[in-house]
Amino acid sequence: MSYGPLIKYGLILLVFVVFCLGLIAYGEHRKQIEWDAAIAKQAVKSADMVIKGAENTAVVVTKYIRVKGATEIRTETVEKEVIRYVEAEHPACFIPNEFEWVWDHANGVPAAPDATERTDGGADSGLTTVALLSAHADEARQYAELRDKYLALVEWVKTSYAIQKEGAWR
């Protein structure tokens, strides 16, 4: 029996098997490269979204700081007017108890537990116009601050949503 042709066919088969294994290894390597490229591309997209979100936040915060400054200037002007009004001479007047009750109710202050106090709504409450004006000016300032914060938050949410929506379809 001659081993020559068997060795020759065995060697051909061995070369073919090595060639197939090399192709498989090369294919797996190419797939890994494609996978790494896709991950890197997604990481770049994610970083871009984070950067856009941070820029959006900076824009809204900067705008809010400008609005807050303008609101504070208006509030200071109102406070100066309150002081000027308080220092002026006024005719004698009184604030009735009914006004105080309505004012307290509108501001969420609980009613006094003494029911006898409620009997005379037209009597003088002891409040002065100065106290009322100061309280109203302070509440108007708080309202303006909350309104500005709310508007800034709404703008930030809308623009952040637009940025996220834009990034979702890339």
Protein backbone atom coordinates (compact mmCIF):
# COMPACT_ATOMS: atom_id res chain seq x y z
CA MET A 1 0.00 0.00 0.00
CA SER A 2 1.28 3.39 -1.01
CA TYR A 3 0.93 6.34 1.30
CA GLY A 4 1.91 8.94 -1.27
CA PRO A 5 -1.53 9.81 -2.63
CA LEU A 6 -3.11 9.62 0.86
CA ILE A 7 -0.55 12.03 2.26
CA LYS A 8 -1.08 14.33 -0.68
CA TYR A 9 -4.89 14.33 -0.17
CA GLY A 10 -4.44 14.67 3.59
CA LEU A 11 -2.19 17.68 3.12
CA ILE A 12 -4.68 19.25 0.69
CA LEU A 13 -7.46 18.62 3.21
CA LEU A 14 -5.34 20.08 6.01
CA VAL A 15 -4.59 23.21 3.95
CA PHE A 16 -8.29 23.54 3.14
CA VAL A 17 -9.26 23.21 6.84
CA VAL A 18 -6.59 25.78 7.85
CA PHE A 19 -7.82 28.11 5.08
CA CYS A 20 -11.46 27.77 6.30
CA LEU A 21 -10.44 28.37 9.92
CA GLY A 22 -8.48 31.46 8.79
CA LEU A 23 -11.55 32.79 6.96
CA ILE A 24 -13.71 32.20 10.03
CA ALA A 25 -11.19 34.01 12.27
CA TYR A 26 -10.96 36.89 9.77
CA GLY A 27 -14.78 37.18 9.64
CA GLU A 28 -15.04 37.25 13.42
CA HIS A 29 -12.33 39.92 13.55
CA ARG A 30 -14.19 42.05 10.97
CA LYS A 31 -17.46 41.67 12.91
CA GLN A 32 -15.68 42.79 16.10
CA ILE A 33 -14.32 45.86 14.28
CA GLU A 34 -17.82 46.71 13.00
CA TRP A 35 -19.25 46.22 16.48
CA ASP A 36 -16.61 48.47 18.05
CA ALA A 37 -17.27 51.12 15.38
CA ALA A 38 -21.01 51.01 16.07
CA ILE A 39 -20.40 51.39 19.82
CA ALA A 40 -18.05 54.32 19.19
CA LYS A 41 -20.61 55.94 16.88
CA GLN A 42 -23.33 55.58 19.52
CA ALA A 43 -20.99 56.97 22.18
CA VAL A 44 -20.36 60.03 19.99
CA LYS A 45 -24.13 60.49 19.52
CA SER A 46 -24.69 60.19 23.27
CA ALA A 47 -21.93 62.67 24.02
CA ASP A 48 -23.41 65.04 21.44
CA MET A 49 -26.82 64.77 23.14
CA VAL A 50 -25.28 65.46 26.56
CA ILE A 51 -23.43 68.49 25.17
CA LYS A 52 -26.59 69.83 23.50
CA GLY A 53 -28.51 69.32 26.75
CA ALA A 54 -25.86 71.16 28.75
CA GLU A 55 -25.82 74.01 26.22
CA ASN A 56 -29.62 74.20 26.40
CA THR A 57 -29.49 74.32 30.20
CA ALA A 58 -26.86 77.08 30.06
CA VAL A 59 -28.98 79.13 27.65
CA VAL A 60 -32.12 78.80 29.79
CA VAL A 61 -30.24 79.56 33.02
CA THR A 62 -28.59 82.62 31.44
CA LYS A 63 -31.95 83.84 30.19
CA TYR A 64 -33.51 83.24 33.61
CA ILE A 65 -30.71 85.18 35.33
CA ARG A 66 -31.42 88.16 33.03
CA VAL A 67 -35.17 87.90 33.72
CA LYS A 68 -34.55 87.53 37.46
CA GLY A 69 -32.41 90.68 37.42
CA ALA A 70 -35.13 92.62 35.61
CA THR A 71 -37.74 91.34 38.09
CA GLU A 72 -35.57 92.39 41.06
CA ILE A 73 -35.17 95.88 39.58
CA ARG A 74 -38.95 96.15 39.22
CA THR A 75 -39.44 94.87 42.75
CA GLU A 76 -36.97 97.39 44.16
CA THR A 77 -38.77 100.15 42.28
CA VAL A 78 -42.09 99.02 43.76
CA GLU A 79 -40.58 98.93 47.25
CA LYS A 80 -39.30 102.51 46.81
CA GLU A 81 -42.79 103.55 45.74
CA VAL A 82 -44.24 101.82 48.82
CA ILE A 83 -41.86 103.76 51.06
CA ARG A 84 -42.72 107.01 49.28
CA TYR A 85 -46.43 106.24 49.61
CA VAL A 86 -46.11 105.36 53.28
CA GLU A 87 -44.24 108.57 54.10
CA ALA A 88 -46.93 110.70 52.42
CA GLU A 89 -49.83 112.12 54.41
CA HIS A 90 -53.07 110.16 54.11
CA PRO A 91 -56.55 110.76 55.42
CA ALA A 92 -57.47 108.67 58.42
CA CYS A 93 -59.00 105.37 57.40
CA PHE A 94 -59.30 101.93 58.87
CA ILE A 95 -59.23 98.42 57.49
CA PRO A 96 -62.31 96.44 58.56
CA ASN A 97 -62.07 92.97 60.04
CA GLU A 98 -63.83 91.52 56.99
CA PHE A 99 -60.95 92.66 54.77
CA GLU A 100 -58.43 91.02 57.08
CA TRP A 101 -60.43 87.78 57.07
CA VAL A 102 -60.64 87.72 53.29
CA TRP A 103 -56.95 88.59 53.00
CA ASP A 104 -55.96 85.83 55.42
CA HIS A 105 -58.22 83.32 53.66
CA ALA A 106 -56.74 84.22 50.26
CA ASN A 107 -53.23 83.71 51.67
CA GLY A 108 -54.05 80.43 53.38
CA VAL A 109 -53.81 81.74 56.93
CA PRO A 110 -56.11 79.73 59.22
CA ALA A 111 -59.04 81.55 60.79
CA ALA A 112 -58.81 82.62 64.39
CA PRO A 113 -60.35 80.06 66.76
CA ASP A 114 -62.29 82.76 68.63
CA ALA A 115 -65.78 82.93 67.09
CA THR A 116 -66.63 86.19 68.87
CA GLU A 117 -64.07 87.95 66.71
CA ARG A 118 -66.22 87.19 63.66
CA THR A 119 -69.28 89.02 64.97
CA ASP A 120 -68.19 92.52 64.04
CA GLY A 121 -66.82 92.46 60.52
CA GLY A 122 -67.00 96.22 60.08
CA ALA A 123 -64.88 97.13 63.10
CA ASP A 124 -61.28 98.32 62.76
CA SER A 125 -58.91 95.39 62.40
CA GLY A 126 -55.89 97.34 63.56
CA LEU A 127 -54.10 96.80 60.25
CA THR A 128 -52.56 99.82 58.60
CA THR A 129 -52.39 100.54 54.91
CA VAL A 130 -48.61 100.42 55.25
CA ALA A 131 -48.72 96.83 56.47
CA LEU A 132 -51.12 95.83 53.70
CA LEU A 133 -49.10 97.53 51.00
CA SER A 134 -45.84 95.99 52.22
CA ALA A 135 -47.39 92.53 52.39
CA HIS A 136 -48.86 92.90 48.92
CA ALA A 137 -45.55 94.12 47.48
CA ASP A 138 -43.75 91.14 49.05
CA GLU A 139 -46.33 88.70 47.67
CA ALA A 140 -46.11 90.29 44.23
CA ARG A 141 -42.31 89.86 44.34
CA GLN A 142 -42.65 86.20 45.33
CA TYR A 143 -45.20 85.66 42.57
CA ALA A 144 -42.91 87.24 39.98
CA GLU A 145 -39.99 85.06 41.09
CA LEU A 146 -42.08 81.89 40.94
CA ARG A 147 -43.54 82.86 37.56
CA ASP A 148 -40.06 83.43 36.13
CA LYS A 149 -38.80 80.11 37.52
CA TYR A 150 -41.84 78.31 36.13
CA LEU A 151 -41.40 79.85 32.68
CA ALA A 152 -37.70 78.96 32.69
CA LEU A 153 -38.52 75.37 33.68
CA VAL A 154 -41.17 75.08 30.96
CA GLU A 155 -38.73 76.39 28.35
CA TRP A 156 -36.01 74.02 29.54
CA VAL A 157 -38.34 71.00 29.41
CA LYS A 158 -39.59 71.88 25.92
CA THR A 159 -36.12 72.47 24.48
CA SER A 160 -34.70 69.37 26.20
CA TYR A 161 -37.52 67.29 24.75
CA ALA A 162 -36.83 68.70 21.28
CA ILE A 163 -33.13 67.84 21.62
CA GLN A 164 -33.90 64.30 22.78
CA LYS A 165 -36.45 63.81 20.03
CA GLU A 166 -33.98 65.05 17.44
CA GLY A 167 -31.31 62.64 18.73
CA ALA A 168 -33.67 59.67 18.75
CA TRP A 169 -34.07 59.67 14.97
CA ARG A 170 -30.43 59.83 13.91
